[in-house]
């Protein structure tokens, strides 16, 4: 898989994260730390799905673990601070890119049943190819959360 767009999406997201200057979010929204923990959890999960497909499994993807407050707190606590979370997001993004580059066309074309939630809204409840799932990280997931981080920074002006 060509990961050019995925790597650029990570660079863009991490540039926003590294700029810092974040304030508390509006009620009911995630902090910058929680957003980064969500990215770490989701990307690690997608990397695991990709490895599962490559090993011959037919795993499904359900992103609820990446929305779970306990899990996000766990990741924030383990990383200690925002720079630690940024570095972990960088490493997990690199891992996903490295795995994606090694996938074969049949692996990328493998169907993966996906349940993707955003808050209480179902974004997807269907089969996608593994390639589509990974491309969604670059096309939708990282840009959306980069915009959220930007809004947290803009709120501090």
N, C-alpha and C. Protein backbone atom coordinates (compact mmCIF):
# COMPACT_ATOMS: atom_id res chain seq x y z
N UNK A 1 0.85 -1.18 0.00
CA UNK A 1 0.00 0.00 0.00
C UNK A 1 0.89 1.24 0.00
N UNK A 2 0.50 2.18 -0.80
CA UNK A 2 1.19 3.46 -0.81
C UNK A 2 0.71 4.26 0.40
N UNK A 3 1.61 4.60 1.31
CA UNK A 3 1.24 5.29 2.54
C UNK A 3 1.56 6.78 2.51
N UNK A 4 1.77 7.33 1.33
CA UNK A 4 2.11 8.75 1.23
C UNK A 4 1.05 9.63 1.89
N UNK A 5 -0.21 9.42 1.57
CA UNK A 5 -1.28 10.24 2.15
C UNK A 5 -1.41 10.00 3.65
N UNK A 6 -1.24 8.77 4.07
CA UNK A 6 -1.33 8.44 5.49
C UNK A 6 -0.20 9.12 6.28
N UNK A 7 0.99 9.04 5.75
CA UNK A 7 2.14 9.69 6.43
C UNK A 7 1.95 11.20 6.47
N UNK A 8 1.43 11.79 5.42
CA UNK A 8 1.19 13.24 5.41
C UNK A 8 0.11 13.61 6.43
N UNK A 9 -0.94 12.79 6.52
CA UNK A 9 -1.99 13.05 7.50
C UNK A 9 -1.44 13.01 8.92
N UNK A 10 -0.54 12.07 9.19
CA UNK A 10 0.11 12.03 10.51
C UNK A 10 0.96 13.27 10.74
N UNK A 11 1.74 13.67 9.75
CA UNK A 11 2.56 14.88 9.89
C UNK A 11 1.68 16.09 10.21
N UNK A 12 0.60 16.22 9.47
CA UNK A 12 -0.31 17.35 9.70
C UNK A 12 -0.91 17.31 11.10
N UNK A 13 -1.37 16.15 11.51
CA UNK A 13 -1.96 16.00 12.84
C UNK A 13 -0.94 16.30 13.93
N UNK A 14 0.24 15.72 13.80
CA UNK A 14 1.27 15.90 14.82
C UNK A 14 1.79 17.33 14.86
N UNK A 15 1.82 18.01 13.72
CA UNK A 15 2.21 19.43 13.71
C UNK A 15 1.24 20.25 14.56
N UNK A 16 -0.03 19.97 14.42
CA UNK A 16 -1.03 20.68 15.23
C UNK A 16 -0.84 20.35 16.70
N UNK A 17 -0.64 19.07 17.00
CA UNK A 17 -0.46 18.65 18.40
C UNK A 17 0.78 19.30 19.01
N UNK A 18 1.87 19.34 18.25
CA UNK A 18 3.12 19.89 18.77
C UNK A 18 3.06 21.41 18.97
N UNK A 19 2.16 22.08 18.27
CA UNK A 19 2.02 23.52 18.42
C UNK A 19 1.52 23.88 19.82
N UNK A 20 0.78 22.95 20.45
CA UNK A 20 0.34 23.15 21.82
C UNK A 20 -0.55 24.35 22.00
N UNK A 21 -0.55 24.89 23.23
CA UNK A 21 -1.38 26.04 23.55
C UNK A 21 -2.85 25.70 23.73
N UNK A 22 -3.13 24.47 24.12
CA UNK A 22 -4.52 24.03 24.22
C UNK A 22 -5.14 24.45 25.55
N UNK A 23 -6.41 24.75 25.49
CA UNK A 23 -7.17 25.08 26.69
C UNK A 23 -8.20 23.99 26.92
N UNK A 24 -8.93 24.14 28.00
CA UNK A 24 -9.99 23.18 28.31
C UNK A 24 -11.04 23.20 27.20
N UNK A 25 -11.56 22.05 26.87
CA UNK A 25 -12.57 21.99 25.81
C UNK A 25 -13.94 22.43 26.33
N UNK A 26 -14.85 22.67 25.41
CA UNK A 26 -16.24 22.91 25.83
C UNK A 26 -16.78 21.67 26.55
N UNK A 27 -17.78 21.87 27.36
CA UNK A 27 -18.38 20.76 28.12
C UNK A 27 -18.74 19.60 27.18
N UNK A 28 -18.37 18.41 27.60
CA UNK A 28 -18.70 17.21 26.83
C UNK A 28 -17.71 16.86 25.74
N UNK A 29 -16.72 17.71 25.50
CA UNK A 29 -15.70 17.44 24.47
C UNK A 29 -14.43 16.92 25.14
N UNK A 30 -13.55 16.33 24.34
CA UNK A 30 -12.29 15.79 24.85
C UNK A 30 -11.24 16.87 24.98
N UNK A 31 -10.34 16.66 25.93
CA UNK A 31 -9.14 17.48 26.05
C UNK A 31 -8.16 17.09 24.94
N UNK A 32 -7.13 17.90 24.76
CA UNK A 32 -6.09 17.56 23.78
C UNK A 32 -5.47 16.21 24.13
N UNK A 33 -5.24 15.96 25.41
CA UNK A 33 -4.65 14.69 25.84
C UNK A 33 -5.57 13.52 25.49
N UNK A 34 -6.86 13.68 25.72
CA UNK A 34 -7.80 12.61 25.40
C UNK A 34 -7.88 12.38 23.89
N UNK A 35 -7.82 13.45 23.10
CA UNK A 35 -7.82 13.30 21.64
C UNK A 35 -6.61 12.50 21.19
N UNK A 36 -5.45 12.82 21.74
CA UNK A 36 -4.24 12.08 21.37
C UNK A 36 -4.34 10.63 21.82
N UNK A 37 -4.86 10.39 23.02
CA UNK A 37 -5.02 9.01 23.49
C UNK A 37 -5.98 8.24 22.58
N UNK A 38 -7.02 8.91 22.13
CA UNK A 38 -7.97 8.28 21.19
C UNK A 38 -7.26 7.88 19.90
N UNK A 39 -6.44 8.75 19.36
CA UNK A 39 -5.69 8.44 18.14
C UNK A 39 -4.78 7.24 18.38
N UNK A 40 -4.07 7.25 19.51
CA UNK A 40 -3.18 6.13 19.84
C UNK A 40 -3.95 4.82 19.90
N UNK A 41 -5.08 4.82 20.61
CA UNK A 41 -5.86 3.60 20.74
C UNK A 41 -6.41 3.12 19.40
N UNK A 42 -6.99 4.03 18.64
CA UNK A 42 -7.59 3.65 17.36
C UNK A 42 -6.54 3.13 16.39
N UNK A 43 -5.41 3.82 16.29
CA UNK A 43 -4.37 3.42 15.35
C UNK A 43 -3.74 2.08 15.73
N UNK A 44 -3.56 1.87 17.01
CA UNK A 44 -3.02 0.59 17.47
C UNK A 44 -4.01 -0.53 17.15
N UNK A 45 -5.29 -0.25 17.33
CA UNK A 45 -6.31 -1.25 17.02
C UNK A 45 -6.35 -1.58 15.54
N UNK A 46 -6.23 -0.58 14.69
CA UNK A 46 -6.24 -0.83 13.25
C UNK A 46 -4.98 -1.58 12.83
N UNK A 47 -3.85 -1.26 13.45
CA UNK A 47 -2.61 -2.01 13.17
C UNK A 47 -2.80 -3.48 13.55
N UNK A 48 -3.46 -3.72 14.68
CA UNK A 48 -3.71 -5.10 15.11
C UNK A 48 -4.63 -5.82 14.13
N UNK A 49 -5.64 -5.11 13.63
CA UNK A 49 -6.55 -5.70 12.63
C UNK A 49 -5.75 -6.07 11.39
N UNK A 50 -4.88 -5.16 10.95
CA UNK A 50 -4.08 -5.42 9.74
C UNK A 50 -3.19 -6.64 9.94
N UNK A 51 -2.56 -6.76 11.09
CA UNK A 51 -1.73 -7.93 11.36
C UNK A 51 -2.57 -9.20 11.43
N UNK A 52 -3.77 -9.07 11.99
CA UNK A 52 -4.67 -10.22 12.03
C UNK A 52 -5.04 -10.70 10.64
N UNK A 53 -5.38 -9.78 9.76
CA UNK A 53 -5.70 -10.15 8.38
C UNK A 53 -4.49 -10.79 7.72
N UNK A 54 -3.30 -10.21 7.92
CA UNK A 54 -2.08 -10.75 7.32
C UNK A 54 -1.79 -12.16 7.82
N UNK A 55 -2.19 -12.46 9.05
CA UNK A 55 -1.93 -13.80 9.60
C UNK A 55 -2.97 -14.82 9.18
N UNK A 56 -4.02 -14.36 8.49
CA UNK A 56 -5.05 -15.28 8.03
C UNK A 56 -6.34 -15.21 8.83
N UNK A 57 -6.37 -14.39 9.85
CA UNK A 57 -7.59 -14.20 10.62
C UNK A 57 -8.55 -13.31 9.84
N UNK A 58 -9.78 -13.28 10.26
CA UNK A 58 -10.76 -12.36 9.70
C UNK A 58 -11.36 -11.57 10.85
N UNK A 59 -10.56 -10.66 11.41
CA UNK A 59 -11.03 -9.88 12.56
C UNK A 59 -12.04 -8.81 12.14
N UNK A 60 -12.78 -8.35 13.12
CA UNK A 60 -13.67 -7.22 12.90
C UNK A 60 -13.12 -6.03 13.67
N UNK A 61 -13.54 -4.83 13.26
CA UNK A 61 -13.07 -3.61 13.90
C UNK A 61 -14.24 -2.93 14.58
N UNK A 62 -14.07 -2.65 15.86
CA UNK A 62 -15.07 -1.96 16.67
C UNK A 62 -14.30 -0.93 17.48
N UNK A 63 -14.54 0.35 17.23
CA UNK A 63 -13.71 1.39 17.83
C UNK A 63 -14.14 1.82 19.23
N UNK A 64 -15.07 1.14 19.85
CA UNK A 64 -15.56 1.59 21.16
C UNK A 64 -14.45 1.66 22.21
N UNK A 65 -13.44 0.80 22.14
CA UNK A 65 -12.32 0.87 23.09
C UNK A 65 -11.58 2.20 22.97
N UNK A 66 -11.60 2.81 21.79
CA UNK A 66 -10.88 4.07 21.59
C UNK A 66 -11.72 5.28 22.02
N UNK A 67 -12.95 5.02 22.47
CA UNK A 67 -13.83 6.06 22.98
C UNK A 67 -14.02 5.94 24.49
N UNK A 68 -13.57 4.83 25.04
CA UNK A 68 -13.79 4.50 26.45
C UNK A 68 -12.96 5.40 27.37
N UNK A 69 -13.63 6.11 28.27
CA UNK A 69 -12.96 7.03 29.17
C UNK A 69 -11.87 6.38 30.00
N UNK A 70 -12.12 5.17 30.51
CA UNK A 70 -11.11 4.48 31.31
C UNK A 70 -9.86 4.23 30.47
N UNK A 71 -10.04 3.76 29.25
CA UNK A 71 -8.89 3.46 28.39
C UNK A 71 -8.13 4.74 28.02
N UNK A 72 -8.85 5.82 27.73
CA UNK A 72 -8.18 7.07 27.40
C UNK A 72 -7.37 7.57 28.60
N UNK A 73 -7.94 7.48 29.79
CA UNK A 73 -7.22 7.88 31.01
C UNK A 73 -5.99 7.02 31.21
N UNK A 74 -6.10 5.73 30.96
CA UNK A 74 -4.96 4.82 31.08
C UNK A 74 -3.82 5.27 30.17
N UNK A 75 -4.14 5.58 28.93
CA UNK A 75 -3.12 6.01 27.98
C UNK A 75 -2.51 7.35 28.37
N UNK A 76 -3.34 8.27 28.81
CA UNK A 76 -2.84 9.58 29.26
C UNK A 76 -1.90 9.39 30.44
N UNK A 77 -2.33 8.59 31.42
CA UNK A 77 -1.51 8.37 32.62
C UNK A 77 -0.19 7.69 32.29
N UNK A 78 -0.21 6.72 31.40
CA UNK A 78 1.03 6.02 31.03
C UNK A 78 2.00 6.92 30.29
N UNK A 79 1.48 7.89 29.57
CA UNK A 79 2.34 8.78 28.78
C UNK A 79 2.85 9.96 29.60
N UNK A 80 2.22 10.23 30.74
CA UNK A 80 2.63 11.26 31.69
C UNK A 80 2.29 12.69 31.31
N UNK A 81 2.39 13.05 30.02
CA UNK A 81 2.15 14.44 29.64
C UNK A 81 1.88 14.52 28.15
N UNK A 82 1.56 15.72 27.70
CA UNK A 82 1.24 15.92 26.28
C UNK A 82 2.40 15.53 25.36
N UNK A 83 3.65 15.93 25.65
CA UNK A 83 4.75 15.49 24.78
C UNK A 83 4.88 13.97 24.72
N UNK A 84 4.64 13.30 25.83
CA UNK A 84 4.69 11.83 25.83
C UNK A 84 3.61 11.23 24.95
N UNK A 85 2.42 11.81 24.99
CA UNK A 85 1.33 11.34 24.14
C UNK A 85 1.63 11.60 22.67
N UNK A 86 2.20 12.76 22.38
CA UNK A 86 2.55 13.07 20.99
C UNK A 86 3.56 12.06 20.47
N UNK A 87 4.55 11.74 21.28
CA UNK A 87 5.56 10.77 20.86
C UNK A 87 4.94 9.38 20.66
N UNK A 88 4.04 8.99 21.56
CA UNK A 88 3.37 7.70 21.41
C UNK A 88 2.51 7.69 20.15
N UNK A 89 1.80 8.78 19.87
CA UNK A 89 1.00 8.87 18.64
C UNK A 89 1.90 8.77 17.41
N UNK A 90 3.06 9.40 17.47
CA UNK A 90 4.02 9.33 16.36
C UNK A 90 4.48 7.88 16.14
N UNK A 91 4.83 7.21 17.22
CA UNK A 91 5.31 5.83 17.09
C UNK A 91 4.22 4.88 16.60
N UNK A 92 3.01 5.04 17.11
CA UNK A 92 1.92 4.16 16.68
C UNK A 92 1.51 4.45 15.25
N UNK A 93 1.57 5.71 14.84
CA UNK A 93 1.31 6.05 13.44
C UNK A 93 2.35 5.44 12.52
N UNK A 94 3.61 5.51 12.94
CA UNK A 94 4.70 4.90 12.18
C UNK A 94 4.47 3.39 12.06
N UNK A 95 4.04 2.77 13.16
CA UNK A 95 3.76 1.33 13.15
C UNK A 95 2.67 1.01 12.13
N UNK A 96 1.58 1.76 12.15
CA UNK A 96 0.49 1.50 11.20
C UNK A 96 0.97 1.69 9.77
N UNK A 97 1.73 2.75 9.52
CA UNK A 97 2.26 2.98 8.17
C UNK A 97 3.18 1.84 7.73
N UNK A 98 4.05 1.41 8.61
CA UNK A 98 4.99 0.33 8.28
C UNK A 98 4.25 -0.97 7.98
N UNK A 99 3.24 -1.27 8.76
CA UNK A 99 2.44 -2.48 8.50
C UNK A 99 1.70 -2.34 7.17
N UNK A 100 1.06 -1.20 6.96
CA UNK A 100 0.27 -0.99 5.74
C UNK A 100 1.12 -1.16 4.49
N UNK A 101 2.36 -0.68 4.54
CA UNK A 101 3.25 -0.80 3.37
C UNK A 101 3.57 -2.25 3.02
N UNK A 102 3.48 -3.12 3.99
CA UNK A 102 3.85 -4.51 3.76
C UNK A 102 2.67 -5.40 3.36
N UNK A 103 1.47 -4.86 3.40
CA UNK A 103 0.29 -5.67 3.09
C UNK A 103 0.20 -5.95 1.59
N UNK A 104 -0.25 -7.14 1.26
CA UNK A 104 -0.44 -7.53 -0.12
C UNK A 104 -1.80 -7.03 -0.61
N UNK A 105 -1.99 -7.03 -1.90
CA UNK A 105 -3.28 -6.61 -2.46
C UNK A 105 -4.42 -7.47 -1.93
N UNK A 106 -4.28 -8.81 -1.89
CA UNK A 106 -5.39 -9.59 -1.32
C UNK A 106 -5.67 -9.25 0.15
N UNK A 107 -4.63 -8.93 0.91
CA UNK A 107 -4.85 -8.54 2.30
C UNK A 107 -5.57 -7.20 2.38
N UNK A 108 -5.18 -6.26 1.56
CA UNK A 108 -5.84 -4.95 1.54
C UNK A 108 -7.28 -5.06 1.06
N UNK A 109 -7.56 -6.04 0.22
CA UNK A 109 -8.92 -6.25 -0.29
C UNK A 109 -9.79 -7.10 0.63
N UNK A 110 -9.22 -7.61 1.72
CA UNK A 110 -9.98 -8.46 2.64
C UNK A 110 -11.08 -7.65 3.32
N UNK A 111 -12.28 -8.20 3.40
CA UNK A 111 -13.36 -7.49 4.08
C UNK A 111 -13.17 -7.51 5.59
N UNK A 112 -13.46 -6.38 6.21
CA UNK A 112 -13.41 -6.25 7.66
C UNK A 112 -14.75 -5.65 8.10
N UNK A 113 -15.47 -6.38 8.93
CA UNK A 113 -16.71 -5.83 9.47
C UNK A 113 -16.34 -4.71 10.43
N UNK A 114 -16.91 -3.53 10.21
CA UNK A 114 -16.54 -2.34 10.98
C UNK A 114 -17.74 -1.74 11.68
N UNK A 115 -17.56 -1.47 12.96
CA UNK A 115 -18.49 -0.66 13.72
C UNK A 115 -17.68 0.54 14.19
N UNK A 116 -17.99 1.71 13.66
CA UNK A 116 -17.26 2.92 14.00
C UNK A 116 -18.26 3.93 14.54
N UNK A 117 -18.03 4.32 15.80
CA UNK A 117 -18.88 5.30 16.46
C UNK A 117 -18.12 6.60 16.64
N UNK A 118 -18.85 7.69 16.68
CA UNK A 118 -18.33 8.99 17.06
C UNK A 118 -19.31 9.52 18.08
N UNK A 119 -18.89 9.53 19.34
CA UNK A 119 -19.84 9.85 20.40
C UNK A 119 -20.92 8.79 20.41
N UNK A 120 -22.15 9.19 20.28
CA UNK A 120 -23.27 8.24 20.23
C UNK A 120 -23.75 7.98 18.81
N UNK A 121 -23.05 8.53 17.83
CA UNK A 121 -23.47 8.41 16.43
C UNK A 121 -22.73 7.28 15.74
N UNK A 122 -23.47 6.44 15.02
CA UNK A 122 -22.88 5.37 14.23
C UNK A 122 -22.38 5.99 12.92
N UNK A 123 -21.07 5.93 12.72
CA UNK A 123 -20.46 6.46 11.50
C UNK A 123 -20.40 5.37 10.43
N UNK A 124 -20.21 4.13 10.86
CA UNK A 124 -20.16 3.00 9.93
C UNK A 124 -20.53 1.73 10.69
N UNK A 125 -21.34 0.91 10.07
CA UNK A 125 -21.69 -0.41 10.58
C UNK A 125 -21.85 -1.30 9.36
N UNK A 126 -20.70 -1.60 8.75
CA UNK A 126 -20.70 -2.30 7.48
C UNK A 126 -19.34 -2.95 7.26
N UNK A 127 -19.25 -3.76 6.25
CA UNK A 127 -17.95 -4.32 5.87
C UNK A 127 -17.23 -3.32 4.98
N UNK A 128 -15.96 -3.13 5.24
CA UNK A 128 -15.06 -2.34 4.40
C UNK A 128 -13.87 -3.21 4.11
N UNK A 129 -13.14 -2.89 3.08
CA UNK A 129 -11.89 -3.61 2.90
C UNK A 129 -10.89 -3.05 3.92
N UNK A 130 -9.88 -3.84 4.23
CA UNK A 130 -8.84 -3.37 5.12
C UNK A 130 -8.20 -2.10 4.57
N UNK A 131 -7.99 -2.06 3.26
CA UNK A 131 -7.42 -0.88 2.64
C UNK A 131 -8.28 0.36 2.85
N UNK A 132 -9.60 0.20 2.75
CA UNK A 132 -10.50 1.34 2.99
C UNK A 132 -10.44 1.80 4.44
N UNK A 133 -10.35 0.85 5.36
CA UNK A 133 -10.25 1.19 6.77
C UNK A 133 -9.00 2.02 7.03
N UNK A 134 -7.87 1.58 6.48
CA UNK A 134 -6.61 2.29 6.68
C UNK A 134 -6.65 3.65 5.98
N UNK A 135 -7.19 3.70 4.77
CA UNK A 135 -7.29 4.98 4.05
C UNK A 135 -8.20 5.97 4.79
N UNK A 136 -9.18 5.45 5.51
CA UNK A 136 -10.05 6.31 6.30
C UNK A 136 -9.33 7.05 7.40
N UNK A 137 -8.24 6.45 7.90
CA UNK A 137 -7.43 7.12 8.91
C UNK A 137 -6.85 8.40 8.32
N UNK A 138 -6.35 8.31 7.10
CA UNK A 138 -5.74 9.47 6.43
C UNK A 138 -6.77 10.47 5.95
N UNK A 139 -7.86 9.98 5.39
CA UNK A 139 -8.83 10.86 4.74
C UNK A 139 -9.82 11.50 5.70
N UNK A 140 -10.14 10.81 6.79
CA UNK A 140 -11.19 11.28 7.68
C UNK A 140 -10.71 11.45 9.13
N UNK A 141 -10.17 10.38 9.69
CA UNK A 141 -9.92 10.34 11.13
C UNK A 141 -8.89 11.37 11.59
N UNK A 142 -7.72 11.33 11.03
CA UNK A 142 -6.67 12.27 11.46
C UNK A 142 -7.04 13.73 11.15
N UNK A 143 -7.54 14.04 9.95
CA UNK A 143 -7.94 15.45 9.70
C UNK A 143 -9.03 15.95 10.64
N UNK A 144 -9.99 15.10 10.94
CA UNK A 144 -11.08 15.51 11.84
C UNK A 144 -10.54 15.86 13.21
N UNK A 145 -9.64 15.03 13.72
CA UNK A 145 -9.11 15.29 15.06
C UNK A 145 -8.06 16.41 15.04
N UNK A 146 -7.39 16.61 13.94
CA UNK A 146 -6.50 17.77 13.83
C UNK A 146 -7.33 19.05 13.91
N UNK A 147 -8.49 19.05 13.27
CA UNK A 147 -9.39 20.21 13.35
C UNK A 147 -9.86 20.44 14.78
N UNK A 148 -10.15 19.35 15.51
CA UNK A 148 -10.57 19.50 16.90
C UNK A 148 -9.44 20.10 17.75
N UNK A 149 -8.22 19.63 17.53
CA UNK A 149 -7.08 20.19 18.26
C UNK A 149 -6.89 21.67 17.92
N UNK A 150 -7.02 22.00 16.65
CA UNK A 150 -6.89 23.39 16.22
C UNK A 150 -7.93 24.26 16.92
N UNK A 151 -9.15 23.76 17.04
CA UNK A 151 -10.21 24.51 17.71
C UNK A 151 -9.88 24.72 19.18
N UNK A 152 -9.25 23.74 19.81
CA UNK A 152 -8.85 23.92 21.21
C UNK A 152 -7.76 24.98 21.34
N UNK A 153 -6.90 25.03 20.36
CA UNK A 153 -5.83 26.04 20.38
C UNK A 153 -6.43 27.43 20.07
N UNK A 154 -7.30 27.48 19.08
CA UNK A 154 -7.92 28.74 18.70
C UNK A 154 -8.73 29.32 19.85
N UNK A 155 -9.28 28.45 20.67
CA UNK A 155 -10.08 28.90 21.82
C UNK A 155 -9.22 29.64 22.82
N UNK A 156 -7.90 29.42 22.79
CA UNK A 156 -7.02 30.06 23.76
C UNK A 156 -6.61 31.47 23.32
N UNK A 157 -6.93 31.86 22.10
CA UNK A 157 -6.52 33.19 21.58
C UNK A 157 -7.37 34.29 22.15
